Amino acid sequence: MVKTYELKNGVVANYMTILGFNVLVFEIDDWQYMISIDKRVSDKVTPEALLDIANSIDY
């Protein structure tokens, strides 16, 4: 299952599970970013936490 989120700059990010990892994927200026965590800690690191990290990246 893929969930879609919008970053503060309007970029669409996809949140999904790949090989035991929860991954947030987005593209900016032809660069693809993947922020991931082990699925076993997904109760502690929420999609919103990964969005906060993505939004903190200074482009």
N, C-alpha and C. Protein backbone atom coordinates (compact mmCIF):
# COMPACT_ATOMS: atom_id res chain seq x y z
N MET A 1 0.84 -1.18 0.00
CA MET A 1 0.00 0.00 0.00
C MET A 1 0.89 1.25 0.00
N VAL A 2 0.53 2.22 -0.79
CA VAL A 2 1.26 3.48 -0.89
C VAL A 2 0.36 4.60 -0.40
N LYS A 3 0.89 5.40 0.53
CA LYS A 3 0.17 6.59 1.00
C LYS A 3 0.89 7.80 0.42
N THR A 4 0.12 8.81 0.09
CA THR A 4 0.68 10.03 -0.49
C THR A 4 0.56 11.17 0.51
N TYR A 5 1.66 11.91 0.65
CA TYR A 5 1.71 13.08 1.52
C TYR A 5 2.25 14.25 0.72
N GLU A 6 1.98 15.46 1.20
CA GLU A 6 2.52 16.65 0.55
C GLU A 6 3.48 17.34 1.50
N LEU A 7 4.69 17.61 1.01
CA LEU A 7 5.68 18.33 1.80
C LEU A 7 5.32 19.81 1.83
N LYS A 8 5.95 20.56 2.75
CA LYS A 8 5.61 21.98 2.90
C LYS A 8 5.90 22.81 1.66
N ASN A 9 6.78 22.31 0.78
CA ASN A 9 7.09 23.02 -0.46
C ASN A 9 6.18 22.58 -1.63
N GLY A 10 5.18 21.74 -1.32
CA GLY A 10 4.23 21.31 -2.34
C GLY A 10 4.60 20.03 -3.07
N VAL A 11 5.78 19.50 -2.81
CA VAL A 11 6.23 18.26 -3.46
C VAL A 11 5.45 17.08 -2.88
N VAL A 12 5.06 16.16 -3.74
CA VAL A 12 4.34 14.96 -3.31
C VAL A 12 5.35 13.90 -2.90
N ALA A 13 5.12 13.29 -1.74
CA ALA A 13 5.97 12.22 -1.23
C ALA A 13 5.13 10.96 -1.07
N ASN A 14 5.71 9.82 -1.41
CA ASN A 14 5.03 8.53 -1.27
C ASN A 14 5.64 7.75 -0.11
N TYR A 15 4.77 7.18 0.72
CA TYR A 15 5.18 6.40 1.88
C TYR A 15 4.76 4.96 1.63
N MET A 16 5.72 4.03 1.71
CA MET A 16 5.43 2.63 1.40
C MET A 16 6.35 1.70 2.17
N THR A 17 6.07 0.41 2.13
CA THR A 17 6.93 -0.60 2.74
C THR A 17 7.66 -1.35 1.64
N ILE A 18 9.00 -1.41 1.79
CA ILE A 18 9.84 -2.12 0.83
C ILE A 18 10.81 -3.01 1.61
N LEU A 19 10.71 -4.30 1.42
CA LEU A 19 11.64 -5.26 2.02
C LEU A 19 11.86 -5.04 3.51
N GLY A 20 10.80 -4.86 4.27
CA GLY A 20 10.90 -4.71 5.71
C GLY A 20 11.24 -3.31 6.19
N PHE A 21 11.25 -2.35 5.29
CA PHE A 21 11.51 -0.96 5.66
C PHE A 21 10.35 -0.09 5.25
N ASN A 22 10.01 0.88 6.09
CA ASN A 22 9.05 1.90 5.72
C ASN A 22 9.84 3.04 5.10
N VAL A 23 9.42 3.46 3.91
CA VAL A 23 10.21 4.40 3.11
C VAL A 23 9.35 5.57 2.67
N LEU A 24 9.91 6.77 2.82
CA LEU A 24 9.30 7.98 2.29
C LEU A 24 10.15 8.39 1.09
N VAL A 25 9.52 8.50 -0.09
CA VAL A 25 10.24 8.78 -1.33
C VAL A 25 9.66 10.05 -1.96
N PHE A 26 10.56 10.95 -2.38
CA PHE A 26 10.12 12.15 -3.07
C PHE A 26 11.24 12.63 -3.99
N GLU A 27 10.87 13.47 -4.96
CA GLU A 27 11.84 14.00 -5.93
C GLU A 27 11.80 15.52 -5.94
N ILE A 28 13.01 16.10 -5.98
CA ILE A 28 13.16 17.55 -6.10
C ILE A 28 14.31 17.82 -7.05
N ASP A 29 14.04 18.62 -8.07
CA ASP A 29 15.07 19.01 -9.04
C ASP A 29 15.84 17.81 -9.60
N ASP A 30 15.13 16.81 -10.04
CA ASP A 30 15.70 15.60 -10.64
C ASP A 30 16.53 14.74 -9.67
N TRP A 31 16.43 15.00 -8.37
CA TRP A 31 17.07 14.16 -7.36
C TRP A 31 15.98 13.40 -6.63
N GLN A 32 16.20 12.11 -6.39
CA GLN A 32 15.25 11.31 -5.64
C GLN A 32 15.79 11.08 -4.24
N TYR A 33 14.94 11.31 -3.25
CA TYR A 33 15.30 11.13 -1.85
C TYR A 33 14.51 9.97 -1.28
N MET A 34 15.16 9.15 -0.46
CA MET A 34 14.51 8.04 0.21
C MET A 34 14.90 8.09 1.69
N ILE A 35 13.93 8.30 2.54
CA ILE A 35 14.16 8.29 3.98
C ILE A 35 13.46 7.04 4.50
N SER A 36 14.23 6.18 5.19
CA SER A 36 13.65 4.90 5.58
C SER A 36 13.94 4.56 7.03
N ILE A 37 13.09 3.69 7.57
CA ILE A 37 13.27 3.13 8.90
C ILE A 37 12.92 1.65 8.84
N ASP A 38 13.47 0.90 9.75
CA ASP A 38 13.13 -0.51 9.87
C ASP A 38 11.66 -0.62 10.30
N LYS A 39 10.92 -1.47 9.66
CA LYS A 39 9.49 -1.63 9.93
C LYS A 39 9.22 -2.00 11.39
N ARG A 40 10.20 -2.63 12.05
CA ARG A 40 10.01 -3.06 13.44
C ARG A 40 9.89 -1.89 14.41
N VAL A 41 10.32 -0.71 14.01
CA VAL A 41 10.20 0.46 14.89
C VAL A 41 9.16 1.45 14.38
N SER A 42 8.30 1.01 13.49
CA SER A 42 7.32 1.91 12.89
C SER A 42 6.31 2.43 13.91
N ASP A 43 6.19 1.76 15.05
CA ASP A 43 5.29 2.28 16.09
C ASP A 43 5.92 3.48 16.81
N LYS A 44 7.24 3.62 16.72
CA LYS A 44 7.95 4.74 17.36
C LYS A 44 8.28 5.85 16.37
N VAL A 45 8.53 5.49 15.12
CA VAL A 45 8.86 6.47 14.09
C VAL A 45 7.72 6.46 13.06
N THR A 46 6.87 7.45 13.18
CA THR A 46 5.66 7.52 12.35
C THR A 46 5.95 8.15 11.00
N PRO A 47 5.03 8.02 10.06
CA PRO A 47 5.20 8.73 8.78
C PRO A 47 5.37 10.24 8.99
N GLU A 48 4.69 10.77 9.99
CA GLU A 48 4.79 12.21 10.26
C GLU A 48 6.22 12.58 10.68
N ALA A 49 6.90 11.69 11.41
CA ALA A 49 8.29 11.95 11.79
C ALA A 49 9.19 11.99 10.55
N LEU A 50 8.95 11.10 9.61
CA LEU A 50 9.72 11.12 8.37
C LEU A 50 9.41 12.36 7.55
N LEU A 51 8.15 12.81 7.58
CA LEU A 51 7.79 14.05 6.89
C LEU A 51 8.50 15.25 7.52
N ASP A 52 8.62 15.25 8.84
CA ASP A 52 9.34 16.33 9.50
C ASP A 52 10.80 16.37 9.04
N ILE A 53 11.40 15.20 8.91
CA ILE A 53 12.78 15.12 8.44
C ILE A 53 12.88 15.63 7.01
N ALA A 54 11.95 15.18 6.16
CA ALA A 54 11.96 15.61 4.75
C ALA A 54 11.77 17.13 4.65
N ASN A 55 10.88 17.67 5.47
CA ASN A 55 10.64 19.11 5.44
C ASN A 55 11.81 19.92 5.99
N SER A 56 12.68 19.29 6.74
CA SER A 56 13.83 20.00 7.31
C SER A 56 15.02 20.08 6.37
N ILE A 57 14.97 19.32 5.28
CA ILE A 57 16.07 19.34 4.31
C ILE A 57 16.05 20.68 3.59
N ASP A 58 17.19 21.35 3.62
CA ASP A 58 17.29 22.66 2.98
C ASP A 58 17.71 22.45 1.51
N TYR A 59 16.82 22.77 0.60
CA TYR A 59 17.07 22.54 -0.81
C TYR A 59 17.81 23.72 -1.36
